[in-house]
């Protein structure tokens, strides 16, 4: 058992892991949107890919979304193996 050692772990770690992986996947977009708005507020100029690093950072999601999908499936496989081992130990 790697992640899930009890039923309590299943109820806590499974949703938490899914949320963390989802945040990893969309984090470049979130950071880009928030920071570009802050930069626009401070400079009174529009922020886009051509004049602001935050505008171009959102394109990094093209890398993080596929990685998040891979991490999600690996996480589910590990959790499934742990759940099956936990069920076998209880019987």
C-alpha atoms as a PDB file:
ATOM      1  CA  UNK A   1       0.000   0.000   0.000  1.00  0.00           C
ATOM      2  CA  UNK A   2       1.429   3.301  -1.084  1.00  0.00           C
ATOM      3  CA  UNK A   3      -1.178   5.995  -0.430  1.00  0.00           C
ATOM      4  CA  UNK A   4      -4.286   4.509   1.120  1.00  0.00           C
ATOM      5  CA  UNK A   5      -3.816   2.562   4.319  1.00  0.00           C
ATOM      6  CA  UNK A   6      -7.325   2.897   5.771  1.00  0.00           C
ATOM      7  CA  UNK A   7     -10.857   3.939   4.850  1.00  0.00           C
ATOM      8  CA  UNK A   8     -10.197   7.371   6.366  1.00  0.00           C
ATOM      9  CA  UNK A   9      -7.227   7.806   4.016  1.00  0.00           C
ATOM     10  CA  UNK A  10      -9.499   6.941   1.095  1.00  0.00           C
ATOM     11  CA  UNK A  11     -11.986   9.650   2.024  1.00  0.00           C
ATOM     12  CA  UNK A  12      -9.276  12.289   2.524  1.00  0.00           C
ATOM     13  CA  UNK A  13      -6.451  11.515   0.112  1.00  0.00           C
ATOM     14  CA  UNK A  14      -8.445  10.576  -2.985  1.00  0.00           C
ATOM     15  CA  UNK A  15     -10.384  13.874  -3.342  1.00  0.00           C
ATOM     16  CA  UNK A  16      -7.375  15.886  -2.178  1.00  0.00           C
ATOM     17  CA  UNK A  17      -5.141  14.233  -4.770  1.00  0.00           C
ATOM     18  CA  UNK A  18      -7.635  14.885  -7.555  1.00  0.00           C
ATOM     19  CA  UNK A  19      -7.953  18.563  -6.583  1.00  0.00           C
ATOM     20  CA  UNK A  20      -4.167  19.008  -6.417  1.00  0.00           C
ATOM     21  CA  UNK A  21      -3.697  17.419  -9.841  1.00  0.00           C
ATOM     22  CA  UNK A  22      -6.451  19.602 -11.328  1.00  0.00           C
ATOM     23  CA  UNK A  23      -4.889  22.744  -9.837  1.00  0.00           C
ATOM     24  CA  UNK A  24      -1.531  21.724 -11.266  1.00  0.00           C
ATOM     25  CA  UNK A  25      -3.098  21.403 -14.713  1.00  0.00           C
ATOM     26  CA  UNK A  26      -4.786  24.800 -14.735  1.00  0.00           C
ATOM     27  CA  UNK A  27      -2.279  26.734 -12.613  1.00  0.00           C
ATOM     28  CA  UNK A  28      -0.558  28.518 -15.548  1.00  0.00           C
ATOM     29  CA  UNK A  29      -3.894  29.906 -16.693  1.00  0.00           C
ATOM     30  CA  UNK A  30      -4.868  31.006 -13.188  1.00  0.00           C
ATOM     31  CA  UNK A  31      -1.517  32.653 -12.493  1.00  0.00           C
ATOM     32  CA  UNK A  32      -1.526  34.326 -15.902  1.00  0.00           C
ATOM     33  CA  UNK A  33      -5.030  35.737 -15.480  1.00  0.00           C
ATOM     34  CA  UNK A  34      -4.477  37.041 -11.962  1.00  0.00           C
ATOM     35  CA  UNK A  35      -1.043  38.531 -12.558  1.00  0.00           C
ATOM     36  CA  UNK A  36      -1.989  40.128 -15.878  1.00  0.00           C
ATOM     37  CA  UNK A  37      -4.923  41.864 -14.169  1.00  0.00           C
ATOM     38  CA  UNK A  38      -2.603  43.120 -11.431  1.00  0.00           C
ATOM     39  CA  UNK A  39      -0.114  44.357 -14.036  1.00  0.00           C
ATOM     40  CA  UNK A  40      -2.894  46.104 -15.980  1.00  0.00           C
ATOM     41  CA  UNK A  41      -4.079  47.760 -12.769  1.00  0.00           C
ATOM     42  CA  UNK A  42      -0.587  48.958 -11.849  1.00  0.00           C
ATOM     43  CA  UNK A  43       0.506  50.157 -15.299  1.00  0.00           C
ATOM     44  CA  UNK A  44      -2.838  51.234 -16.831  1.00  0.00           C
ATOM     45  CA  UNK A  45      -1.823  49.419 -20.040  1.00  0.00           C
ATOM     46  CA  UNK A  46      -3.329  46.253 -21.530  1.00  0.00           C
ATOM     47  CA  UNK A  47      -1.380  43.077 -20.852  1.00  0.00           C
ATOM     48  CA  UNK A  48      -1.026  40.479 -23.625  1.00  0.00           C
ATOM     49  CA  UNK A  49       1.596  38.057 -24.962  1.00  0.00           C
ATOM     50  CA  UNK A  50       3.515  40.764 -26.772  1.00  0.00           C
ATOM     51  CA  UNK A  51       4.239  43.113 -23.896  1.00  0.00           C
ATOM     52  CA  UNK A  52       3.827  41.137 -20.680  1.00  0.00           C
ATOM     53  CA  UNK A  53       5.348  37.894 -19.425  1.00  0.00           C
ATOM     54  CA  UNK A  54       2.068  37.053 -17.681  1.00  0.00           C
ATOM     55  CA  UNK A  55       0.213  37.105 -20.981  1.00  0.00           C
ATOM     56  CA  UNK A  56       2.524  34.462 -22.421  1.00  0.00           C
ATOM     57  CA  UNK A  57       2.628  32.295 -19.312  1.00  0.00           C
ATOM     58  CA  UNK A  58      -0.871  30.968 -19.991  1.00  0.00           C
ATOM     59  CA  UNK A  59       0.456  29.001 -22.971  1.00  0.00           C
ATOM     60  CA  UNK A  60       2.315  26.781 -20.515  1.00  0.00           C
ATOM     61  CA  UNK A  61      -0.998  24.999 -19.923  1.00  0.00           C
ATOM     62  CA  UNK A  62      -0.328  23.150 -23.197  1.00  0.00           C
ATOM     63  CA  UNK A  63       2.324  21.292 -21.208  1.00  0.00           C
ATOM     64  CA  UNK A  64       0.644  21.064 -17.808  1.00  0.00           C
ATOM     65  CA  UNK A  65      -2.764  19.781 -18.974  1.00  0.00           C
ATOM     66  CA  UNK A  66      -1.350  16.596 -20.605  1.00  0.00           C
ATOM     67  CA  UNK A  67       0.922  16.052 -17.605  1.00  0.00           C
ATOM     68  CA  UNK A  68      -2.037  16.453 -15.265  1.00  0.00           C
ATOM     69  CA  UNK A  69      -4.012  13.864 -17.243  1.00  0.00           C
ATOM     70  CA  UNK A  70      -1.103  11.415 -17.007  1.00  0.00           C
ATOM     71  CA  UNK A  71      -0.697  12.103 -13.270  1.00  0.00           C
ATOM     72  CA  UNK A  72      -4.450  11.663 -12.779  1.00  0.00           C
ATOM     73  CA  UNK A  73      -4.503   8.211 -14.361  1.00  0.00           C
ATOM     74  CA  UNK A  74      -1.371   7.133 -12.473  1.00  0.00           C
ATOM     75  CA  UNK A  75      -2.928   8.381  -9.233  1.00  0.00           C
ATOM     76  CA  UNK A  76      -6.140   6.459  -9.913  1.00  0.00           C
ATOM     77  CA  UNK A  77      -4.236   3.261 -10.690  1.00  0.00           C
ATOM     78  CA  UNK A  78      -2.208   3.553  -7.478  1.00  0.00           C
ATOM     79  CA  UNK A  79      -5.366   4.234  -5.466  1.00  0.00           C
ATOM     80  CA  UNK A  80      -7.186   1.294  -7.083  1.00  0.00           C
ATOM     81  CA  UNK A  81      -4.315  -1.065  -6.242  1.00  0.00           C
ATOM     82  CA  UNK A  82      -4.279   0.209  -2.650  1.00  0.00           C
ATOM     83  CA  UNK A  83      -8.067  -0.172  -2.328  1.00  0.00           C
ATOM     84  CA  UNK A  84      -7.895  -3.742  -3.620  1.00  0.00           C
ATOM     85  CA  UNK A  85      -5.057  -4.584  -1.187  1.00  0.00           C
ATOM     86  CA  UNK A  86      -7.007  -2.982   1.662  1.00  0.00           C
ATOM     87  CA  UNK A  87     -10.121  -5.001   0.779  1.00  0.00           C
ATOM     88  CA  UNK A  88      -8.075  -8.217   0.576  1.00  0.00           C
ATOM     89  CA  UNK A  89      -6.544  -7.579   4.019  1.00  0.00           C
ATOM     90  CA  UNK A  90      -9.959  -7.030   5.625  1.00  0.00           C
ATOM     91  CA  UNK A  91     -11.280 -10.355   4.276  1.00  0.00           C
END
